[in-house]
C-alpha atoms as a PDB file:
ATOM      1  CA  MET A   1     -52.866  30.407  -6.275  1.00  0.00           C
ATOM      2  CA  THR A   2     -50.871  33.566  -6.906  1.00  0.00           C
ATOM      3  CA  GLN A   3     -53.936  35.369  -8.250  1.00  0.00           C
ATOM      4  CA  GLU A   4     -56.051  34.272  -5.284  1.00  0.00           C
ATOM      5  CA  LEU A   5     -53.465  35.594  -2.831  1.00  0.00           C
ATOM      6  CA  ARG A   6     -53.254  38.898  -4.685  1.00  0.00           C
ATOM      7  CA  ARG A   7     -57.057  39.253  -4.701  1.00  0.00           C
ATOM      8  CA  ALA A   8     -56.925  38.818  -0.929  1.00  0.00           C
ATOM      9  CA  GLY A   9     -54.473  41.721  -0.724  1.00  0.00           C
ATOM     10  CA  ILE A  10     -51.420  39.561  -0.135  1.00  0.00           C
ATOM     11  CA  SER A  11     -48.258  40.318  -2.070  1.00  0.00           C
ATOM     12  CA  ALA A  12     -47.365  37.216  -4.081  1.00  0.00           C
ATOM     13  CA  ALA A  13     -44.911  36.216  -6.783  1.00  0.00           C
ATOM     14  CA  MET A  14     -44.333  33.082  -8.799  1.00  0.00           C
ATOM     15  CA  ASP A  15     -41.036  31.952 -10.246  1.00  0.00           C
ATOM     16  CA  TYR A  16     -41.581  30.791 -13.824  1.00  0.00           C
ATOM     17  CA  ALA A  17     -37.901  30.131 -14.480  1.00  0.00           C
ATOM     18  CA  ASP A  18     -36.665  26.561 -14.516  1.00  0.00           C
ATOM     19  CA  ARG A  19     -34.443  26.937 -11.450  1.00  0.00           C
ATOM     20  CA  SER A  20     -33.483  24.542  -8.702  1.00  0.00           C
ATOM     21  CA  LEU A  21     -35.384  24.643  -5.430  1.00  0.00           C
ATOM     22  CA  LYS A  22     -32.225  25.908  -3.716  1.00  0.00           C
ATOM     23  CA  SER A  23     -31.983  28.804  -6.171  1.00  0.00           C
ATOM     24  CA  GLN A  24     -35.639  29.681  -5.688  1.00  0.00           C
ATOM     25  CA  MET A  25     -35.284  29.640  -1.900  1.00  0.00           C
ATOM     26  CA  LYS A  26     -32.244  31.923  -2.125  1.00  0.00           C
ATOM     27  CA  ARG A  27     -34.319  34.345  -4.216  1.00  0.00           C
ATOM     28  CA  ALA A  28     -37.171  34.244  -1.688  1.00  0.00           C
ATOM     29  CA  ASP A  29     -34.676  35.000   1.083  1.00  0.00           C
ATOM     30  CA  LYS A  30     -33.188  37.867  -0.918  1.00  0.00           C
ATOM     31  CA  LEU A  31     -36.703  39.314  -1.330  1.00  0.00           C
ATOM     32  CA  ASN A  32     -37.238  38.996   2.454  1.00  0.00           C
ATOM     33  CA  SER A  33     -40.251  36.743   1.941  1.00  0.00           C
ATOM     34  CA  ALA A  34     -42.049  36.014   5.195  1.00  0.00           C
ATOM     35  CA  TYR A  35     -43.556  32.829   3.730  1.00  0.00           C
ATOM     36  CA  THR A  36     -42.778  30.537   0.824  1.00  0.00           C
ATOM     37  CA  LEU A  37     -45.270  28.107  -0.694  1.00  0.00           C
ATOM     38  CA  ILE A  38     -43.916  25.042  -2.441  1.00  0.00           C
ATOM     39  CA  PHE A  39     -46.088  22.988  -4.768  1.00  0.00           C
ATOM     40  CA  GLY A  40     -44.773  19.740  -6.175  1.00  0.00           C
ATOM     41  CA  ASP A  41     -45.886  17.886  -9.280  1.00  0.00           C
ATOM     42  CA  LYS A  42     -48.287  15.736  -7.250  1.00  0.00           C
ATOM     43  CA  GLU A  43     -50.049  18.750  -5.716  1.00  0.00           C
ATOM     44  CA  ILE A  44     -50.328  20.431  -9.091  1.00  0.00           C
ATOM     45  CA  ASP A  45     -51.660  17.256 -10.746  1.00  0.00           C
ATOM     46  CA  GLU A  46     -54.221  16.809  -7.963  1.00  0.00           C
ATOM     47  CA  ASN A  47     -55.115  20.540  -8.046  1.00  0.00           C
ATOM     48  CA  ARG A  48     -54.460  20.986  -4.339  1.00  0.00           C
END
């Protein structure tokens, strides 16, 4: 997903660290992210 967004000219980052959702949301806020995408295990398993 990150690569697809970047190819479309959209700035995107992925957090590979094993952090809590709260920690990841704080980081997104600190980076002034306009949007945040959240994929759970089910979405990843189903390739959504």
